[in-house]
């Protein structure tokens, strides 16, 4: 029952986003050219440039966050190795104190 409800909700949200995107594209048909400092991009509809910048921003966010996640995974792996080495040393010290003659 919950899976069916989740699927229905996702479908409704997808349709709503598609409708909003279509409406946005049809209402913003003015041609604009983007002037970057050294390059002028060709004329295209305002909606195209806005959607493209939104998508590129999302992709850039995913790439940057993926780099941070990989860095954190490397730090975690290093910390786990240090803990494992400390545990081995602790076990060695425990057994050494038990095996020492009194």
PDB file of N, CA and C in Angstrom:
ATOM      1  N   UNK A   1       0.824  -1.199   0.000  1.00  0.00           N
ATOM      2  CA  UNK A   1       0.000   0.000   0.000  1.00  0.00           C
ATOM      3  C   UNK A   1       0.868   1.263   0.000  1.00  0.00           C
ATOM      4  N   UNK A   2       1.906   1.298   0.872  1.00  0.00           N
ATOM      5  CA  UNK A   2       2.769   2.476   0.947  1.00  0.00           C
ATOM      6  C   UNK A   2       3.571   2.659  -0.336  1.00  0.00           C
ATOM      7  N   UNK A   3       4.013   1.554  -0.922  1.00  0.00           N
ATOM      8  CA  UNK A   3       4.796   1.646  -2.148  1.00  0.00           C
ATOM      9  C   UNK A   3       3.943   2.239  -3.269  1.00  0.00           C
ATOM     10  N   UNK A   4       2.707   1.833  -3.353  1.00  0.00           N
ATOM     11  CA  UNK A   4       1.799   2.352  -4.368  1.00  0.00           C
ATOM     12  C   UNK A   4       1.576   3.847  -4.151  1.00  0.00           C
ATOM     13  N   UNK A   5       1.411   4.256  -2.892  1.00  0.00           N
ATOM     14  CA  UNK A   5       1.189   5.660  -2.561  1.00  0.00           C
ATOM     15  C   UNK A   5       2.425   6.496  -2.895  1.00  0.00           C
ATOM     16  N   UNK A   6       3.605   5.959  -2.614  1.00  0.00           N
ATOM     17  CA  UNK A   6       4.850   6.658  -2.927  1.00  0.00           C
ATOM     18  C   UNK A   6       5.003   6.834  -4.435  1.00  0.00           C
ATOM     19  N   UNK A   7       4.707   5.789  -5.189  1.00  0.00           N
ATOM     20  CA  UNK A   7       4.791   5.860  -6.647  1.00  0.00           C
ATOM     21  C   UNK A   7       3.823   6.902  -7.194  1.00  0.00           C
ATOM     22  N   UNK A   8       2.619   6.932  -6.663  1.00  0.00           N
ATOM     23  CA  UNK A   8       1.621   7.908  -7.096  1.00  0.00           C
ATOM     24  C   UNK A   8       2.081   9.325  -6.781  1.00  0.00           C
ATOM     25  N   UNK A   9       2.636   9.536  -5.596  1.00  0.00           N
ATOM     26  CA  UNK A   9       3.109  10.859  -5.205  1.00  0.00           C
ATOM     27  C   UNK A   9       4.258  11.319  -6.099  1.00  0.00           C
ATOM     28  N   UNK A  10       5.194  10.432  -6.402  1.00  0.00           N
ATOM     29  CA  UNK A  10       6.313  10.776  -7.286  1.00  0.00           C
ATOM     30  C   UNK A  10       5.802  11.103  -8.685  1.00  0.00           C
ATOM     31  N   UNK A  11       4.844  10.354  -9.167  1.00  0.00           N
ATOM     32  CA  UNK A  11       4.264  10.611 -10.487  1.00  0.00           C
ATOM     33  C   UNK A  11       3.579  11.974 -10.526  1.00  0.00           C
ATOM     34  N   UNK A  12       2.820  12.296  -9.494  1.00  0.00           N
ATOM     35  CA  UNK A  12       2.135  13.595  -9.433  1.00  0.00           C
ATOM     36  C   UNK A  12       3.153  14.729  -9.393  1.00  0.00           C
ATOM     37  N   UNK A  13       4.222  14.568  -8.607  1.00  0.00           N
ATOM     38  CA  UNK A  13       5.257  15.603  -8.540  1.00  0.00           C
ATOM     39  C   UNK A  13       5.967  15.781  -9.880  1.00  0.00           C
ATOM     40  N   UNK A  14       6.249  14.683 -10.573  1.00  0.00           N
ATOM     41  CA  UNK A  14       6.896  14.774 -11.891  1.00  0.00           C
ATOM     42  C   UNK A  14       6.008  15.509 -12.888  1.00  0.00           C
ATOM     43  N   UNK A  15       4.733  15.192 -12.883  1.00  0.00           N
ATOM     44  CA  UNK A  15       3.799  15.867 -13.787  1.00  0.00           C
ATOM     45  C   UNK A  15       3.715  17.351 -13.449  1.00  0.00           C
ATOM     46  N   UNK A  16       3.686  17.683 -12.152  1.00  0.00           N
ATOM     47  CA  UNK A  16       3.624  19.088 -11.739  1.00  0.00           C
ATOM     48  C   UNK A  16       4.881  19.840 -12.178  1.00  0.00           C
ATOM     49  N   UNK A  17       6.060  19.229 -12.015  1.00  0.00           N
ATOM     50  CA  UNK A  17       7.298  19.881 -12.442  1.00  0.00           C
ATOM     51  C   UNK A  17       7.339  20.052 -13.960  1.00  0.00           C
ATOM     52  N   UNK A  18       6.900  19.048 -14.694  1.00  0.00           N
ATOM     53  CA  UNK A  18       6.861  19.171 -16.154  1.00  0.00           C
ATOM     54  C   UNK A  18       5.910  20.284 -16.584  1.00  0.00           C
ATOM     55  N   UNK A  19       4.766  20.377 -15.939  1.00  0.00           N
ATOM     56  CA  UNK A  19       3.805  21.431 -16.263  1.00  0.00           C
ATOM     57  C   UNK A  19       4.387  22.807 -15.962  1.00  0.00           C
ATOM     58  N   UNK A  20       5.035  22.943 -14.812  1.00  0.00           N
ATOM     59  CA  UNK A  20       5.651  24.229 -14.455  1.00  0.00           C
ATOM     60  C   UNK A  20       6.760  24.588 -15.438  1.00  0.00           C
ATOM     61  N   UNK A  21       7.568  23.623 -15.833  1.00  0.00           N
ATOM     62  CA  UNK A  21       8.630  23.868 -16.804  1.00  0.00           C
ATOM     63  C   UNK A  21       8.084  24.265 -18.160  1.00  0.00           C
ATOM     64  N   UNK A  22       7.036  23.597 -18.584  1.00  0.00           N
ATOM     65  CA  UNK A  22       6.423  23.929 -19.871  1.00  0.00           C
ATOM     66  C   UNK A  22       5.834  25.334 -19.825  1.00  0.00           C
ATOM     67  N   UNK A  23       5.139  25.660 -18.747  1.00  0.00           N
ATOM     68  CA  UNK A  23       4.558  26.997 -18.597  1.00  0.00           C
ATOM     69  C   UNK A  23       5.660  28.051 -18.573  1.00  0.00           C
ATOM     70  N   UNK A  24       6.715  27.792 -17.835  1.00  0.00           N
ATOM     71  CA  UNK A  24       7.838  28.721 -17.755  1.00  0.00           C
ATOM     72  C   UNK A  24       8.451  28.944 -19.134  1.00  0.00           C
ATOM     73  N   UNK A  25       8.620  27.875 -19.887  1.00  0.00           N
ATOM     74  CA  UNK A  25       9.237  27.981 -21.216  1.00  0.00           C
ATOM     75  C   UNK A  25       8.354  28.755 -22.187  1.00  0.00           C
ATOM     76  N   UNK A  26       7.052  28.569 -22.100  1.00  0.00           N
ATOM     77  CA  UNK A  26       6.171  29.271 -23.036  1.00  0.00           C
ATOM     78  C   UNK A  26       5.994  30.741 -22.672  1.00  0.00           C
ATOM     79  N   UNK A  27       6.144  31.093 -21.407  1.00  0.00           N
ATOM     80  CA  UNK A  27       5.974  32.489 -20.996  1.00  0.00           C
ATOM     81  C   UNK A  27       7.256  33.309 -21.149  1.00  0.00           C
ATOM     82  N   UNK A  28       8.398  32.667 -21.282  1.00  0.00           N
ATOM     83  CA  UNK A  28       9.681  33.373 -21.378  1.00  0.00           C
ATOM     84  C   UNK A  28      10.359  33.062 -22.706  1.00  0.00           C
ATOM     85  N   UNK A  29       9.758  33.531 -23.784  1.00  0.00           N
ATOM     86  CA  UNK A  29      10.292  33.232 -25.116  1.00  0.00           C
ATOM     87  C   UNK A  29      11.160  34.353 -25.673  1.00  0.00           C
ATOM     88  N   UNK A  30      11.386  35.412 -24.905  1.00  0.00           N
ATOM     89  CA  UNK A  30      12.218  36.517 -25.386  1.00  0.00           C
ATOM     90  C   UNK A  30      13.634  36.022 -25.659  1.00  0.00           C
ATOM     91  N   UNK A  31      14.203  36.498 -26.776  1.00  0.00           N
ATOM     92  CA  UNK A  31      15.567  36.113 -27.124  1.00  0.00           C
ATOM     93  C   UNK A  31      16.551  37.034 -26.412  1.00  0.00           C
ATOM     94  N   UNK A  32      17.519  36.445 -25.767  1.00  0.00           N
ATOM     95  CA  UNK A  32      18.561  37.215 -25.081  1.00  0.00           C
ATOM     96  C   UNK A  32      19.910  36.586 -25.406  1.00  0.00           C
ATOM     97  N   UNK A  33      20.944  37.418 -25.375  1.00  0.00           N
ATOM     98  CA  UNK A  33      22.300  36.884 -25.514  1.00  0.00           C
ATOM     99  C   UNK A  33      23.013  37.156 -24.194  1.00  0.00           C
ATOM    100  N   UNK A  34      23.789  36.202 -23.779  1.00  0.00           N
ATOM    101  CA  UNK A  34      24.504  36.308 -22.514  1.00  0.00           C
ATOM    102  C   UNK A  34      25.905  36.830 -22.804  1.00  0.00           C
ATOM    103  N   UNK A  35      26.272  37.920 -22.139  1.00  0.00           N
ATOM    104  CA  UNK A  35      27.583  38.522 -22.331  1.00  0.00           C
ATOM    105  C   UNK A  35      28.446  38.204 -21.120  1.00  0.00           C
ATOM    106  N   UNK A  36      29.357  37.260 -21.300  1.00  0.00           N
ATOM    107  CA  UNK A  36      30.363  36.982 -20.292  1.00  0.00           C
ATOM    108  C   UNK A  36      31.537  37.905 -20.592  1.00  0.00           C
ATOM    109  N   UNK A  37      32.459  38.072 -19.700  1.00  0.00           N
ATOM    110  CA  UNK A  37      33.503  39.084 -19.870  1.00  0.00           C
ATOM    111  C   UNK A  37      34.235  38.977 -21.201  1.00  0.00           C
ATOM    112  N   UNK A  38      34.593  37.767 -21.599  1.00  0.00           N
ATOM    113  CA  UNK A  38      35.395  37.612 -22.811  1.00  0.00           C
ATOM    114  C   UNK A  38      34.627  36.963 -23.955  1.00  0.00           C
ATOM    115  N   UNK A  39      33.442  36.460 -23.675  1.00  0.00           N
ATOM    116  CA  UNK A  39      32.674  35.713 -24.672  1.00  0.00           C
ATOM    117  C   UNK A  39      31.222  36.171 -24.630  1.00  0.00           C
ATOM    118  N   UNK A  40      30.633  36.305 -25.797  1.00  0.00           N
ATOM    119  CA  UNK A  40      29.198  36.571 -25.875  1.00  0.00           C
ATOM    120  C   UNK A  40      28.534  35.320 -26.423  1.00  0.00           C
ATOM    121  N   UNK A  41      27.642  34.757 -25.641  1.00  0.00           N
ATOM    122  CA  UNK A  41      26.951  33.538 -26.057  1.00  0.00           C
ATOM    123  C   UNK A  41      25.854  33.895 -27.048  1.00  0.00           C
ATOM    124  N   UNK A  42      25.488  32.974 -27.924  1.00  0.00           N
ATOM    125  CA  UNK A  42      24.482  33.285 -28.948  1.00  0.00           C
ATOM    126  C   UNK A  42      23.103  33.534 -28.341  1.00  0.00           C
ATOM    127  N   UNK A  43      22.264  34.172 -29.126  1.00  0.00           N
ATOM    128  CA  UNK A  43      20.903  34.452 -28.667  1.00  0.00           C
ATOM    129  C   UNK A  43      20.102  33.167 -28.550  1.00  0.00           C
ATOM    130  N   UNK A  44      19.384  33.067 -27.466  1.00  0.00           N
ATOM    131  CA  UNK A  44      18.479  31.942 -27.232  1.00  0.00           C
ATOM    132  C   UNK A  44      17.380  32.449 -26.311  1.00  0.00           C
ATOM    133  N   UNK A  45      16.353  31.662 -26.150  1.00  0.00           N
ATOM    134  CA  UNK A  45      15.242  32.110 -25.308  1.00  0.00           C
ATOM    135  C   UNK A  45      15.692  32.221 -23.855  1.00  0.00           C
ATOM    136  N   UNK A  46      15.064  33.141 -23.155  1.00  0.00           N
ATOM    137  CA  UNK A  46      15.390  33.374 -21.752  1.00  0.00           C
ATOM    138  C   UNK A  46      15.178  32.113 -20.928  1.00  0.00           C
ATOM    139  N   UNK A  47      14.112  31.384 -21.227  1.00  0.00           N
ATOM    140  CA  UNK A  47      13.836  30.160 -20.465  1.00  0.00           C
ATOM    141  C   UNK A  47      14.941  29.126 -20.659  1.00  0.00           C
ATOM    142  N   UNK A  48      15.490  29.040 -21.867  1.00  0.00           N
ATOM    143  CA  UNK A  48      16.576  28.093 -22.126  1.00  0.00           C
ATOM    144  C   UNK A  48      17.806  28.443 -21.297  1.00  0.00           C
ATOM    145  N   UNK A  49      18.181  29.726 -21.286  1.00  0.00           N
ATOM    146  CA  UNK A  49      19.350  30.130 -20.508  1.00  0.00           C
ATOM    147  C   UNK A  49      19.135  29.911 -19.016  1.00  0.00           C
ATOM    148  N   UNK A  50      17.942  30.208 -18.519  1.00  0.00           N
ATOM    149  CA  UNK A  50      17.674  30.019 -17.094  1.00  0.00           C
ATOM    150  C   UNK A  50      17.685  28.542 -16.715  1.00  0.00           C
ATOM    151  N   UNK A  51      17.060  27.709 -17.531  1.00  0.00           N
ATOM    152  CA  UNK A  51      17.059  26.272 -17.236  1.00  0.00           C
ATOM    153  C   UNK A  51      18.468  25.688 -17.347  1.00  0.00           C
ATOM    154  N   UNK A  52      19.229  26.144 -18.345  1.00  0.00           N
ATOM    155  CA  UNK A  52      20.600  25.652 -18.500  1.00  0.00           C
ATOM    156  C   UNK A  52      21.457  26.045 -17.301  1.00  0.00           C
ATOM    157  N   UNK A  53      21.294  27.273 -16.819  1.00  0.00           N
ATOM    158  CA  UNK A  53      22.083  27.690 -15.655  1.00  0.00           C
ATOM    159  C   UNK A  53      21.664  26.917 -14.410  1.00  0.00           C
ATOM    160  N   UNK A  54      20.380  26.623 -14.286  1.00  0.00           N
ATOM    161  CA  UNK A  54      19.894  25.829 -13.156  1.00  0.00           C
ATOM    162  C   UNK A  54      20.493  24.421 -13.193  1.00  0.00           C
ATOM    163  N   UNK A  55      20.485  23.801 -14.363  1.00  0.00           N
ATOM    164  CA  UNK A  55      21.030  22.444 -14.501  1.00  0.00           C
ATOM    165  C   UNK A  55      22.542  22.441 -14.261  1.00  0.00           C
ATOM    166  N   UNK A  56      23.253  23.409 -14.836  1.00  0.00           N
ATOM    167  CA  UNK A  56      24.706  23.474 -14.632  1.00  0.00           C
ATOM    168  C   UNK A  56      25.048  23.724 -13.165  1.00  0.00           C
ATOM    169  N   UNK A  57      24.256  24.541 -12.487  1.00  0.00           N
ATOM    170  CA  UNK A  57      24.470  24.759 -11.058  1.00  0.00           C
ATOM    171  C   UNK A  57      24.251  23.489 -10.261  1.00  0.00           C
ATOM    172  N   UNK A  58      23.228  22.724 -10.626  1.00  0.00           N
ATOM    173  CA  UNK A  58      22.975  21.452  -9.951  1.00  0.00           C
ATOM    174  C   UNK A  58      24.101  20.462 -10.171  1.00  0.00           C
ATOM    175  N   UNK A  59      24.589  20.385 -11.394  1.00  0.00           N
ATOM    176  CA  UNK A  59      25.702  19.474 -11.706  1.00  0.00           C
ATOM    177  C   UNK A  59      26.956  19.900 -10.948  1.00  0.00           C
ATOM    178  N   UNK A  60      27.224  21.204 -10.913  1.00  0.00           N
ATOM    179  CA  UNK A  60      28.394  21.691 -10.174  1.00  0.00           C
ATOM    180  C   UNK A  60      28.263  21.366  -8.687  1.00  0.00           C
ATOM    181  N   UNK A  61      27.067  21.506  -8.141  1.00  0.00           N
ATOM    182  CA  UNK A  61      26.848  21.168  -6.736  1.00  0.00           C
ATOM    183  C   UNK A  61      27.090  19.700  -6.452  1.00  0.00           C
ATOM    184  N   UNK A  62      26.636  18.840  -7.347  1.00  0.00           N
ATOM    185  CA  UNK A  62      26.843  17.397  -7.173  1.00  0.00           C
ATOM    186  C   UNK A  62      28.332  17.060  -7.245  1.00  0.00           C
ATOM    187  N   UNK A  63      29.049  17.668  -8.186  1.00  0.00           N
ATOM    188  CA  UNK A  63      30.484  17.396  -8.324  1.00  0.00           C
ATOM    189  C   UNK A  63      31.240  17.848  -7.078  1.00  0.00           C
ATOM    190  N   UNK A  64      30.958  19.056  -6.600  1.00  0.00           N
ATOM    191  CA  UNK A  64      31.664  19.574  -5.423  1.00  0.00           C
ATOM    192  C   UNK A  64      31.342  18.740  -4.193  1.00  0.00           C
ATOM    193  N   UNK A  65      30.071  18.401  -4.003  1.00  0.00           N
ATOM    194  CA  UNK A  65      29.722  17.596  -2.827  1.00  0.00           C
ATOM    195  C   UNK A  65      30.310  16.188  -2.930  1.00  0.00           C
ATOM    196  N   UNK A  66      30.414  15.646  -4.133  1.00  0.00           N
ATOM    197  CA  UNK A  66      31.043  14.331  -4.304  1.00  0.00           C
ATOM    198  C   UNK A  66      32.519  14.376  -3.924  1.00  0.00           C
ATOM    199  N   UNK A  67      33.189  15.468  -4.269  1.00  0.00           N
ATOM    200  CA  UNK A  67      34.595  15.607  -3.883  1.00  0.00           C
ATOM    201  C   UNK A  67      34.737  15.652  -2.364  1.00  0.00           C
ATOM    202  N   UNK A  68      33.848  16.378  -1.692  1.00  0.00           N
ATOM    203  CA  UNK A  68      33.894  16.435  -0.232  1.00  0.00           C
ATOM    204  C   UNK A  68      33.610  15.072   0.380  1.00  0.00           C
ATOM    205  N   UNK A  69      32.666  14.343  -0.189  1.00  0.00           N
ATOM    206  CA  UNK A  69      32.346  13.012   0.334  1.00  0.00           C
ATOM    207  C   UNK A  69      33.545  12.085   0.174  1.00  0.00           C
ATOM    208  N   UNK A  70      34.208  12.135  -0.979  1.00  0.00           N
ATOM    209  CA  UNK A  70      35.389  11.288  -1.182  1.00  0.00           C
ATOM    210  C   UNK A  70      36.503  11.660  -0.206  1.00  0.00           C
ATOM    211  N   UNK A  71      36.696  12.954   0.033  1.00  0.00           N
ATOM    212  CA  UNK A  71      37.706  13.391   0.994  1.00  0.00           C
ATOM    213  C   UNK A  71      37.375  12.885   2.393  1.00  0.00           C
ATOM    214  N   UNK A  72      36.118  12.981   2.788  1.00  0.00           N
ATOM    215  CA  UNK A  72      35.715  12.493   4.107  1.00  0.00           C
ATOM    216  C   UNK A  72      35.863  10.979   4.219  1.00  0.00           C
ATOM    217  N   UNK A  73      35.589  10.252   3.135  1.00  0.00           N
ATOM    218  CA  UNK A  73      35.771   8.798   3.160  1.00  0.00           C
ATOM    219  C   UNK A  73      37.241   8.437   3.337  1.00  0.00           C
ATOM    220  N   UNK A  74      38.127   9.184   2.684  1.00  0.00           N
ATOM    221  CA  UNK A  74      39.561   8.935   2.853  1.00  0.00           C
ATOM    222  C   UNK A  74      39.994   9.204   4.291  1.00  0.00           C
ATOM    223  N   UNK A  75      39.490  10.290   4.882  1.00  0.00           N
ATOM    224  CA  UNK A  75      39.826  10.589   6.275  1.00  0.00           C
ATOM    225  C   UNK A  75      39.286   9.513   7.208  1.00  0.00           C
ATOM    226  N   UNK A  76      38.080   9.034   6.937  1.00  0.00           N
ATOM    227  CA  UNK A  76      37.490   7.979   7.756  1.00  0.00           C
ATOM    228  C   UNK A  76      38.306   6.699   7.651  1.00  0.00           C
ATOM    229  N   UNK A  77      38.728   6.361   6.454  1.00  0.00           N
ATOM    230  CA  UNK A  77      39.542   5.160   6.248  1.00  0.00           C
ATOM    231  C   UNK A  77      40.864   5.271   7.006  1.00  0.00           C
ATOM    232  N   UNK A  78      41.475   6.444   6.972  1.00  0.00           N
ATOM    233  CA  UNK A  78      42.721   6.659   7.704  1.00  0.00           C
ATOM    234  C   UNK A  78      42.496   6.541   9.208  1.00  0.00           C
ATOM    235  N   UNK A  79      41.411   7.106   9.700  1.00  0.00           N
ATOM    236  CA  UNK A  79      41.111   7.020  11.132  1.00  0.00           C
ATOM    237  C   UNK A  79      40.841   5.580  11.549  1.00  0.00           C
ATOM    238  N   UNK A  80      40.163   4.822  10.701  1.00  0.00           N
ATOM    239  CA  UNK A  80      39.908   3.408  11.017  1.00  0.00           C
ATOM    240  C   UNK A  80      41.212   2.619  11.085  1.00  0.00           C
ATOM    241  N   UNK A  81      42.151   2.919  10.173  1.00  0.00           N
ATOM    242  CA  UNK A  81      43.445   2.242  10.221  1.00  0.00           C
ATOM    243  C   UNK A  81      44.190   2.576  11.509  1.00  0.00           C
ATOM    244  N   UNK A  82      44.131   3.830  11.934  1.00  0.00           N
ATOM    245  CA  UNK A  82      44.789   4.223  13.182  1.00  0.00           C
ATOM    246  C   UNK A  82      44.154   3.520  14.377  1.00  0.00           C
ATOM    247  N   UNK A  83      42.838   3.414  14.381  1.00  0.00           N
ATOM    248  CA  UNK A  83      42.142   2.719  15.471  1.00  0.00           C
ATOM    249  C   UNK A  83      42.526   1.250  15.484  1.00  0.00           C
ATOM    250  N   UNK A  84      42.594   0.642  14.312  1.00  0.00           N
ATOM    251  CA  UNK A  84      42.965  -0.772  14.226  1.00  0.00           C
ATOM    252  C   UNK A  84      44.391  -0.989  14.742  1.00  0.00           C
ATOM    253  N   UNK A  85      45.304  -0.093  14.388  1.00  0.00           N
ATOM    254  CA  UNK A  85      46.682  -0.209  14.875  1.00  0.00           C
ATOM    255  C   UNK A  85      46.735  -0.006  16.385  1.00  0.00           C
ATOM    256  N   UNK A  86      45.952   0.936  16.900  1.00  0.00           N
ATOM    257  CA  UNK A  86      45.927   1.170  18.348  1.00  0.00           C
ATOM    258  C   UNK A  86      45.331  -0.025  19.079  1.00  0.00           C
ATOM    259  N   UNK A  87      44.308  -0.647  18.507  1.00  0.00           N
ATOM    260  CA  UNK A  87      43.716  -1.847  19.116  1.00  0.00           C
ATOM    261  C   UNK A  87      44.723  -2.995  19.156  1.00  0.00           C
ATOM    262  N   UNK A  88      45.481  -3.167  18.068  1.00  0.00           N
ATOM    263  CA  UNK A  88      46.501  -4.223  18.050  1.00  0.00           C
ATOM    264  C   UNK A  88      47.554  -3.970  19.120  1.00  0.00           C
ATOM    265  N   UNK A  89      47.988  -2.721  19.232  1.00  0.00           N
ATOM    266  CA  UNK A  89      48.991  -2.389  20.244  1.00  0.00           C
ATOM    267  C   UNK A  89      48.439  -2.597  21.653  1.00  0.00           C
ATOM    268  N   UNK A  90      47.188  -2.237  21.867  1.00  0.00           N
ATOM    269  CA  UNK A  90      46.561  -2.431  23.171  1.00  0.00           C
ATOM    270  C   UNK A  90      46.458  -3.911  23.513  1.00  0.00           C
ATOM    271  N   UNK A  91      46.066  -4.730  22.549  1.00  0.00           N
ATOM    272  CA  UNK A  91      45.998  -6.179  22.783  1.00  0.00           C
ATOM    273  C   UNK A  91      47.383  -6.746  23.094  1.00  0.00           C
ATOM    274  N   UNK A  92      48.391  -6.259  22.372  1.00  0.00           N
ATOM    275  CA  UNK A  92      49.756  -6.721  22.611  1.00  0.00           C
ATOM    276  C   UNK A  92      50.202  -6.352  24.027  1.00  0.00           C
ATOM    277  N   UNK A  93      49.872  -5.146  24.471  1.00  0.00           N
ATOM    278  CA  UNK A  93      50.242  -4.724  25.823  1.00  0.00           C
ATOM    279  C   UNK A  93      49.490  -5.521  26.883  1.00  0.00           C
ATOM    280  N   UNK A  94      48.244  -5.839  26.632  1.00  0.00           N
ATOM    281  CA  UNK A  94      47.457  -6.630  27.585  1.00  0.00           C
ATOM    282  C   UNK A  94      48.034  -8.038  27.731  1.00  0.00           C
ATOM    283  N   UNK A  95      48.343  -8.658  26.601  1.00  0.00           N
ATOM    284  CA  UNK A  95      48.876 -10.022  26.666  1.00  0.00           C
ATOM    285  C   UNK A  95      50.293 -10.024  27.227  1.00  0.00           C
ATOM    286  N   UNK A  96      51.049  -8.963  26.988  1.00  0.00           N
ATOM    287  CA  UNK A  96      52.409  -8.894  27.529  1.00  0.00           C
ATOM    288  C   UNK A  96      52.375  -8.791  29.044  1.00  0.00           C
ATOM    289  N   UNK A  97      51.417  -8.052  29.594  1.00  0.00           N
ATOM    290  CA  UNK A  97      51.347  -7.922  31.054  1.00  0.00           C
ATOM    291  C   UNK A  97      50.838  -9.210  31.693  1.00  0.00           C
ATOM    292  N   UNK A  98      50.056  -9.996  30.975  1.00  0.00           N
ATOM    293  CA  UNK A  98      49.564 -11.266  31.516  1.00  0.00           C
ATOM    294  C   UNK A  98      50.640 -12.343  31.456  1.00  0.00           C
ATOM    295  N   UNK A  99      51.482 -12.293  30.432  1.00  0.00           N
ATOM    296  CA  UNK A  99      52.508 -13.321  30.255  1.00  0.00           C
ATOM    297  C   UNK A  99      53.774 -13.039  31.056  1.00  0.00           C
ATOM    298  N   UNK A 100      53.895 -11.866  31.636  1.00  0.00           N
ATOM    299  CA  UNK A 100      55.097 -11.517  32.394  1.00  0.00           C
ATOM    300  C   UNK A 100      55.115 -12.312  33.705  1.00  0.00           C
ATOM    301  N   UNK A 101      56.264 -12.892  34.050  1.00  0.00           N
ATOM    302  CA  UNK A 101      56.340 -13.644  35.318  1.00  0.00           C
ATOM    303  C   UNK A 101      56.244 -12.694  36.512  1.00  0.00           C
ATOM    304  N   UNK A 102      55.576 -13.158  37.551  1.00  0.00           N
ATOM    305  CA  UNK A 102      55.373 -12.327  38.738  1.00  0.00           C
ATOM    306  C   UNK A 102      56.512 -12.376  39.694  1.00  0.00           C
TER     307      UNK A 102
END
